[in-house]
Amino acid sequence: MDWLRLSLICMWMCISYGAPQGEKEVKIISQTNEITPEGGYKWSFEADNGIKADETGTLKKTNDPENPNVIVAQGSYEYTDKDGKKIALTYVADDEGGFQPQGDHLPTPPPIPPNIQRALDYIASQPSTTERNGRK
């Protein structure tokens, strides 16, 4: 997956959903864009309505002959939603874990009920089928 394209989509979403709709023009008050000869990059911007975003990408060598180099990206963005709540997200995007966002506004799974957790712990403590048959 092209992580640069994904980060640009995230930036577009941040601008589209974070900006007040039908209000005054938003001005960019700071912006950077750097590309290194080694294949890395760094960009950031801040708008006068409080939207901020940044990302850094570095080139990483892999053991895959078809994809010898991949970009590992990490970044963040923040804005205030229509209800006045501050939305802040940080992320890492790499070839091993994909896009990994973190933010207080993201949904989280409910806790595992205690009786289910006990059953899972019991199952994990049992020997595997090959161990029961005397093989390792």
N, C-alpha and C. Protein backbone atom coordinates (compact mmCIF):
# COMPACT_ATOMS: atom_id res chain seq x y z
N MET A 1 0.85 -1.19 0.00
CA MET A 1 0.00 0.00 0.00
C MET A 1 0.89 1.24 0.00
N ASP A 2 0.45 2.22 -0.67
CA ASP A 2 1.21 3.45 -0.78
C ASP A 2 0.88 4.34 0.42
N TRP A 3 1.80 4.39 1.39
CA TRP A 3 1.55 5.10 2.65
C TRP A 3 1.46 6.60 2.45
N LEU A 4 2.15 7.11 1.44
CA LEU A 4 2.05 8.54 1.16
C LEU A 4 0.63 8.88 0.74
N ARG A 5 0.05 8.04 -0.11
CA ARG A 5 -1.32 8.27 -0.55
C ARG A 5 -2.29 8.20 0.64
N LEU A 6 -2.07 7.23 1.54
CA LEU A 6 -2.91 7.09 2.72
C LEU A 6 -2.80 8.31 3.62
N SER A 7 -1.59 8.81 3.80
CA SER A 7 -1.42 9.98 4.66
C SER A 7 -2.07 11.21 4.04
N LEU A 8 -2.03 11.32 2.72
CA LEU A 8 -2.69 12.45 2.06
C LEU A 8 -4.21 12.35 2.21
N ILE A 9 -4.74 11.14 2.17
CA ILE A 9 -6.18 10.96 2.41
C ILE A 9 -6.53 11.38 3.82
N CYS A 10 -5.71 10.98 4.80
CA CYS A 10 -5.95 11.38 6.19
C CYS A 10 -5.92 12.90 6.33
N MET A 11 -4.96 13.53 5.66
CA MET A 11 -4.85 14.98 5.73
C MET A 11 -6.09 15.63 5.11
N TRP A 12 -6.55 15.11 3.98
CA TRP A 12 -7.75 15.64 3.35
C TRP A 12 -8.95 15.50 4.27
N MET A 13 -9.09 14.33 4.94
CA MET A 13 -10.20 14.13 5.87
C MET A 13 -10.12 15.12 7.02
N CYS A 14 -8.92 15.34 7.51
CA CYS A 14 -8.72 16.28 8.62
C CYS A 14 -9.19 17.67 8.20
N ILE A 15 -8.81 18.09 7.03
CA ILE A 15 -9.19 19.42 6.56
C ILE A 15 -10.69 19.47 6.27
N SER A 16 -11.22 18.45 5.62
CA SER A 16 -12.63 18.45 5.23
C SER A 16 -13.57 18.42 6.41
N TYR A 17 -13.30 17.55 7.37
CA TYR A 17 -14.22 17.37 8.49
C TYR A 17 -13.93 18.30 9.66
N GLY A 18 -12.72 18.77 9.77
CA GLY A 18 -12.37 19.63 10.89
C GLY A 18 -12.67 21.09 10.66
N ALA A 19 -12.73 21.48 9.41
CA ALA A 19 -12.96 22.90 9.12
C ALA A 19 -14.44 23.25 9.26
N PRO A 20 -14.73 24.42 9.81
CA PRO A 20 -16.13 24.87 9.88
C PRO A 20 -16.68 24.98 8.45
N GLN A 21 -17.83 24.42 8.23
CA GLN A 21 -18.42 24.45 6.90
C GLN A 21 -19.21 25.74 6.71
N GLY A 22 -19.05 26.36 5.54
CA GLY A 22 -19.79 27.56 5.21
C GLY A 22 -19.34 28.79 5.98
N GLU A 23 -18.15 28.77 6.53
CA GLU A 23 -17.67 29.90 7.31
C GLU A 23 -16.55 30.59 6.54
N LYS A 24 -15.75 31.36 7.25
CA LYS A 24 -14.69 32.14 6.63
C LYS A 24 -13.62 31.26 5.99
N GLU A 25 -12.86 31.87 5.13
CA GLU A 25 -11.77 31.19 4.47
C GLU A 25 -10.70 30.81 5.49
N VAL A 26 -10.16 29.60 5.37
CA VAL A 26 -9.12 29.13 6.28
C VAL A 26 -7.76 29.43 5.66
N LYS A 27 -6.89 30.03 6.46
CA LYS A 27 -5.55 30.36 5.97
C LYS A 27 -4.52 29.43 6.60
N ILE A 28 -3.56 29.03 5.80
CA ILE A 28 -2.44 28.23 6.30
C ILE A 28 -1.45 29.22 6.91
N ILE A 29 -1.12 29.00 8.21
CA ILE A 29 -0.20 29.93 8.87
C ILE A 29 1.23 29.40 8.92
N SER A 30 1.40 28.09 8.75
CA SER A 30 2.76 27.55 8.60
C SER A 30 2.68 26.25 7.81
N GLN A 31 3.74 26.00 7.04
CA GLN A 31 3.78 24.82 6.20
C GLN A 31 5.22 24.47 5.89
N THR A 32 5.54 23.17 5.98
CA THR A 32 6.86 22.70 5.58
C THR A 32 6.69 21.49 4.68
N ASN A 33 7.66 21.27 3.82
CA ASN A 33 7.66 20.11 2.95
C ASN A 33 9.10 19.83 2.55
N GLU A 34 9.65 18.74 3.07
CA GLU A 34 11.04 18.41 2.80
C GLU A 34 11.13 16.99 2.25
N ILE A 35 11.98 16.79 1.25
CA ILE A 35 12.25 15.46 0.71
C ILE A 35 13.76 15.27 0.75
N THR A 36 14.20 14.15 1.33
CA THR A 36 15.63 13.90 1.45
C THR A 36 16.14 13.07 0.27
N PRO A 37 17.41 13.18 -0.05
CA PRO A 37 17.98 12.38 -1.14
C PRO A 37 17.91 10.86 -0.86
N GLU A 38 17.83 10.49 0.42
CA GLU A 38 17.77 9.08 0.79
C GLU A 38 16.38 8.47 0.58
N GLY A 39 15.39 9.29 0.24
CA GLY A 39 14.04 8.78 0.00
C GLY A 39 13.05 9.08 1.10
N GLY A 40 13.47 9.78 2.13
CA GLY A 40 12.55 10.14 3.21
C GLY A 40 11.89 11.47 2.94
N TYR A 41 10.96 11.81 3.80
CA TYR A 41 10.27 13.08 3.65
C TYR A 41 9.74 13.54 5.01
N LYS A 42 9.35 14.81 5.05
CA LYS A 42 8.75 15.39 6.25
C LYS A 42 7.88 16.55 5.79
N TRP A 43 6.63 16.55 6.25
CA TRP A 43 5.75 17.67 5.95
C TRP A 43 4.94 18.03 7.18
N SER A 44 4.48 19.26 7.22
CA SER A 44 3.61 19.71 8.31
C SER A 44 2.87 20.96 7.85
N PHE A 45 1.75 21.21 8.50
CA PHE A 45 1.06 22.47 8.28
C PHE A 45 0.20 22.79 9.49
N GLU A 46 -0.11 24.07 9.61
CA GLU A 46 -1.02 24.55 10.64
C GLU A 46 -1.90 25.62 10.02
N ALA A 47 -3.19 25.51 10.26
CA ALA A 47 -4.15 26.48 9.73
C ALA A 47 -4.62 27.41 10.85
N ASP A 48 -5.15 28.56 10.46
CA ASP A 48 -5.57 29.54 11.47
C ASP A 48 -6.83 29.11 12.23
N ASN A 49 -7.48 28.02 11.82
CA ASN A 49 -8.64 27.51 12.54
C ASN A 49 -8.29 26.40 13.53
N GLY A 50 -6.99 26.17 13.75
CA GLY A 50 -6.55 25.19 14.74
C GLY A 50 -6.21 23.82 14.19
N ILE A 51 -6.40 23.59 12.90
CA ILE A 51 -6.03 22.31 12.32
C ILE A 51 -4.53 22.25 12.19
N LYS A 52 -3.95 21.12 12.65
CA LYS A 52 -2.51 20.89 12.55
C LYS A 52 -2.29 19.47 12.06
N ALA A 53 -1.27 19.26 11.27
CA ALA A 53 -0.92 17.92 10.81
C ALA A 53 0.56 17.86 10.50
N ASP A 54 1.14 16.68 10.71
CA ASP A 54 2.54 16.48 10.36
C ASP A 54 2.78 15.01 10.09
N GLU A 55 3.81 14.73 9.30
CA GLU A 55 4.18 13.35 9.01
C GLU A 55 5.65 13.29 8.62
N THR A 56 6.30 12.22 9.04
CA THR A 56 7.68 11.95 8.68
C THR A 56 7.73 10.55 8.09
N GLY A 57 8.39 10.41 6.97
CA GLY A 57 8.55 9.10 6.34
C GLY A 57 10.02 8.80 6.15
N THR A 58 10.40 7.57 6.45
CA THR A 58 11.78 7.15 6.25
C THR A 58 11.80 5.88 5.40
N LEU A 59 12.84 5.73 4.65
CA LEU A 59 13.00 4.56 3.80
C LEU A 59 13.60 3.43 4.63
N LYS A 60 13.00 2.25 4.55
CA LYS A 60 13.47 1.08 5.30
C LYS A 60 13.76 -0.05 4.31
N LYS A 61 14.90 -0.65 4.46
CA LYS A 61 15.27 -1.79 3.62
C LYS A 61 14.59 -3.05 4.15
N THR A 62 14.16 -3.93 3.24
CA THR A 62 13.51 -5.18 3.63
C THR A 62 14.29 -6.36 3.06
N ASN A 63 13.89 -7.54 3.44
CA ASN A 63 14.48 -8.77 2.90
C ASN A 63 13.67 -9.30 1.72
N ASP A 64 12.66 -8.57 1.29
CA ASP A 64 11.79 -8.98 0.20
C ASP A 64 12.40 -8.51 -1.13
N PRO A 65 12.80 -9.45 -2.00
CA PRO A 65 13.42 -9.03 -3.27
C PRO A 65 12.47 -8.26 -4.18
N GLU A 66 11.16 -8.49 -4.05
CA GLU A 66 10.20 -7.77 -4.88
C GLU A 66 9.96 -6.34 -4.38
N ASN A 67 10.11 -6.13 -3.08
CA ASN A 67 9.96 -4.80 -2.47
C ASN A 67 11.15 -4.56 -1.55
N PRO A 68 12.32 -4.23 -2.11
CA PRO A 68 13.51 -4.10 -1.27
C PRO A 68 13.48 -2.90 -0.33
N ASN A 69 12.65 -1.90 -0.62
CA ASN A 69 12.54 -0.71 0.22
C ASN A 69 11.07 -0.38 0.46
N VAL A 70 10.76 0.01 1.67
CA VAL A 70 9.41 0.47 2.00
C VAL A 70 9.52 1.77 2.78
N ILE A 71 8.46 2.54 2.74
CA ILE A 71 8.40 3.77 3.53
C ILE A 71 7.72 3.46 4.85
N VAL A 72 8.33 3.89 5.94
CA VAL A 72 7.72 3.82 7.27
C VAL A 72 7.35 5.25 7.62
N ALA A 73 6.06 5.46 7.89
CA ALA A 73 5.57 6.82 8.16
C ALA A 73 5.02 6.91 9.57
N GLN A 74 5.21 8.06 10.18
CA GLN A 74 4.57 8.35 11.46
C GLN A 74 4.16 9.81 11.45
N GLY A 75 3.02 10.07 12.07
CA GLY A 75 2.53 11.44 12.04
C GLY A 75 1.38 11.65 13.00
N SER A 76 0.78 12.82 12.86
CA SER A 76 -0.35 13.17 13.72
C SER A 76 -1.16 14.27 13.06
N TYR A 77 -2.39 14.39 13.52
CA TYR A 77 -3.19 15.55 13.15
C TYR A 77 -4.15 15.86 14.28
N GLU A 78 -4.61 17.08 14.32
CA GLU A 78 -5.59 17.48 15.33
C GLU A 78 -6.46 18.61 14.79
N TYR A 79 -7.68 18.62 15.26
CA TYR A 79 -8.64 19.65 14.89
C TYR A 79 -9.76 19.65 15.93
N THR A 80 -10.63 20.62 15.86
CA THR A 80 -11.80 20.69 16.73
C THR A 80 -13.02 20.34 15.90
N ASP A 81 -13.81 19.37 16.38
CA ASP A 81 -14.97 18.95 15.61
C ASP A 81 -16.13 19.94 15.74
N LYS A 82 -17.23 19.65 15.08
CA LYS A 82 -18.37 20.57 15.06
C LYS A 82 -18.99 20.78 16.42
N ASP A 83 -18.78 19.82 17.36
CA ASP A 83 -19.31 19.95 18.72
C ASP A 83 -18.34 20.63 19.67
N GLY A 84 -17.19 21.07 19.15
CA GLY A 84 -16.20 21.75 19.98
C GLY A 84 -15.22 20.82 20.67
N LYS A 85 -15.27 19.53 20.36
CA LYS A 85 -14.36 18.55 20.97
C LYS A 85 -13.06 18.49 20.18
N LYS A 86 -11.93 18.52 20.90
CA LYS A 86 -10.62 18.43 20.24
C LYS A 86 -10.38 16.98 19.84
N ILE A 87 -10.08 16.77 18.57
CA ILE A 87 -9.77 15.45 18.03
C ILE A 87 -8.28 15.44 17.72
N ALA A 88 -7.58 14.48 18.31
CA ALA A 88 -6.14 14.35 18.07
C ALA A 88 -5.84 12.89 17.76
N LEU A 89 -5.08 12.66 16.72
CA LEU A 89 -4.74 11.30 16.31
C LEU A 89 -3.27 11.24 15.98
N THR A 90 -2.61 10.19 16.45
CA THR A 90 -1.24 9.89 16.05
C THR A 90 -1.27 8.55 15.34
N TYR A 91 -0.30 8.31 14.48
CA TYR A 91 -0.30 7.05 13.74
C TYR A 91 1.11 6.67 13.32
N VAL A 92 1.24 5.38 13.06
CA VAL A 92 2.42 4.80 12.44
C VAL A 92 1.89 3.96 11.28
N ALA A 93 2.56 3.99 10.16
CA ALA A 93 2.20 3.16 9.02
C ALA A 93 3.47 2.50 8.52
N ASP A 94 3.46 1.17 8.54
CA ASP A 94 4.65 0.44 8.07
C ASP A 94 4.23 -0.85 7.38
N ASP A 95 5.22 -1.59 6.89
CA ASP A 95 4.94 -2.81 6.15
C ASP A 95 4.55 -3.97 7.06
N GLU A 96 4.83 -3.87 8.34
CA GLU A 96 4.53 -4.97 9.26
C GLU A 96 3.15 -4.84 9.89
N GLY A 97 2.81 -3.65 10.35
CA GLY A 97 1.55 -3.47 11.06
C GLY A 97 0.50 -2.70 10.29
N GLY A 98 0.84 -2.19 9.10
CA GLY A 98 -0.10 -1.37 8.36
C GLY A 98 -0.32 -0.03 9.03
N PHE A 99 -1.48 0.53 8.82
CA PHE A 99 -1.84 1.83 9.42
C PHE A 99 -2.32 1.58 10.84
N GLN A 100 -1.64 2.18 11.83
CA GLN A 100 -1.93 1.96 13.24
C GLN A 100 -2.26 3.29 13.92
N PRO A 101 -3.53 3.70 13.90
CA PRO A 101 -3.89 4.97 14.52
C PRO A 101 -4.11 4.84 16.02
N GLN A 102 -3.90 5.94 16.74
CA GLN A 102 -4.19 6.00 18.17
C GLN A 102 -4.81 7.36 18.46
N GLY A 103 -5.91 7.33 19.21
CA GLY A 103 -6.57 8.56 19.59
C GLY A 103 -7.70 8.27 20.57
N ASP A 104 -7.95 9.19 21.47
CA ASP A 104 -9.00 9.00 22.47
C ASP A 104 -10.39 8.89 21.84
N HIS A 105 -10.58 9.44 20.67
CA HIS A 105 -11.89 9.42 20.03
C HIS A 105 -12.18 8.13 19.28
N LEU A 106 -11.18 7.28 19.09
CA LEU A 106 -11.38 6.03 18.35
C LEU A 106 -12.12 5.02 19.21
N PRO A 107 -13.00 4.23 18.61
CA PRO A 107 -13.72 3.23 19.40
C PRO A 107 -12.76 2.14 19.90
N THR A 108 -13.07 1.60 21.05
CA THR A 108 -12.27 0.51 21.62
C THR A 108 -13.19 -0.67 21.89
N PRO A 109 -12.67 -1.88 21.81
CA PRO A 109 -13.52 -3.04 22.07
C PRO A 109 -13.90 -3.11 23.55
N PRO A 110 -15.06 -3.68 23.84
CA PRO A 110 -15.43 -3.83 25.25
C PRO A 110 -14.51 -4.83 25.93
N PRO A 111 -14.40 -4.78 27.26
CA PRO A 111 -13.55 -5.75 27.95
C PRO A 111 -14.10 -7.17 27.81
N ILE A 112 -13.20 -8.13 27.85
CA ILE A 112 -13.61 -9.54 27.77
C ILE A 112 -14.26 -9.91 29.09
N PRO A 113 -15.46 -10.51 29.07
CA PRO A 113 -16.10 -10.93 30.32
C PRO A 113 -15.21 -11.91 31.09
N PRO A 114 -15.20 -11.83 32.42
CA PRO A 114 -14.30 -12.66 33.23
C PRO A 114 -14.43 -14.16 32.96
N ASN A 115 -15.65 -14.68 32.79
CA ASN A 115 -15.79 -16.12 32.55
C ASN A 115 -15.19 -16.53 31.20
N ILE A 116 -15.30 -15.66 30.19
CA ILE A 116 -14.69 -15.96 28.89
C ILE A 116 -13.17 -15.89 29.01
N GLN A 117 -12.64 -14.91 29.76
CA GLN A 117 -11.20 -14.79 29.94
C GLN A 117 -10.64 -16.02 30.64
N ARG A 118 -11.35 -16.52 31.66
CA ARG A 118 -10.90 -17.74 32.36
C ARG A 118 -10.84 -18.91 31.39
N ALA A 119 -11.85 -19.03 30.52
CA ALA A 119 -11.86 -20.13 29.55
C ALA A 119 -10.70 -19.99 28.57
N LEU A 120 -10.43 -18.77 28.11
CA LEU A 120 -9.30 -18.56 27.19
C LEU A 120 -7.98 -18.88 27.88
N ASP A 121 -7.84 -18.47 29.14
CA ASP A 121 -6.61 -18.78 29.89
C ASP A 121 -6.43 -20.28 30.05
N TYR A 122 -7.53 -20.98 30.33
CA TYR A 122 -7.46 -22.44 30.49
C TYR A 122 -7.03 -23.10 29.18
N ILE A 123 -7.63 -22.69 28.08
CA ILE A 123 -7.29 -23.27 26.78
C ILE A 123 -5.81 -23.01 26.47
N ALA A 124 -5.33 -21.81 26.75
CA ALA A 124 -3.93 -21.48 26.47
C ALA A 124 -2.97 -22.28 27.34
N SER A 125 -3.41 -22.71 28.52
CA SER A 125 -2.53 -23.47 29.41
C SER A 125 -2.43 -24.95 29.04
N GLN A 126 -3.28 -25.42 28.15
CA GLN A 126 -3.29 -26.84 27.77
C GLN A 126 -2.22 -27.12 26.73
N PRO A 127 -1.64 -28.32 26.77
CA PRO A 127 -0.63 -28.67 25.76
C PRO A 127 -1.27 -28.77 24.38
N SER A 128 -0.46 -28.50 23.37
CA SER A 128 -0.97 -28.60 22.00
C SER A 128 -1.19 -30.05 21.63
N THR A 129 -1.86 -30.28 20.52
CA THR A 129 -2.14 -31.65 20.05
C THR A 129 -0.84 -32.41 19.82
N THR A 130 0.16 -31.77 19.23
CA THR A 130 1.43 -32.47 18.97
C THR A 130 2.16 -32.78 20.29
N GLU A 131 2.04 -31.91 21.28
CA GLU A 131 2.68 -32.19 22.58
C GLU A 131 1.99 -33.34 23.28
N ARG A 132 0.67 -33.44 23.14
CA ARG A 132 -0.06 -34.56 23.78
C ARG A 132 0.29 -35.87 23.11
N ASN A 133 0.64 -35.83 21.83
CA ASN A 133 1.00 -37.07 21.11
C ASN A 133 2.47 -37.39 21.25
N GLY A 134 3.18 -36.66 22.08
CA GLY A 134 4.59 -36.94 22.33
C GLY A 134 5.54 -36.33 21.33
N ARG A 135 5.07 -35.49 20.43
CA ARG A 135 5.93 -34.83 19.46
C ARG A 135 6.10 -33.37 19.85
N LYS A 136 7.20 -32.81 19.43
CA LYS A 136 7.45 -31.38 19.67
C LYS A 136 7.78 -30.67 18.41
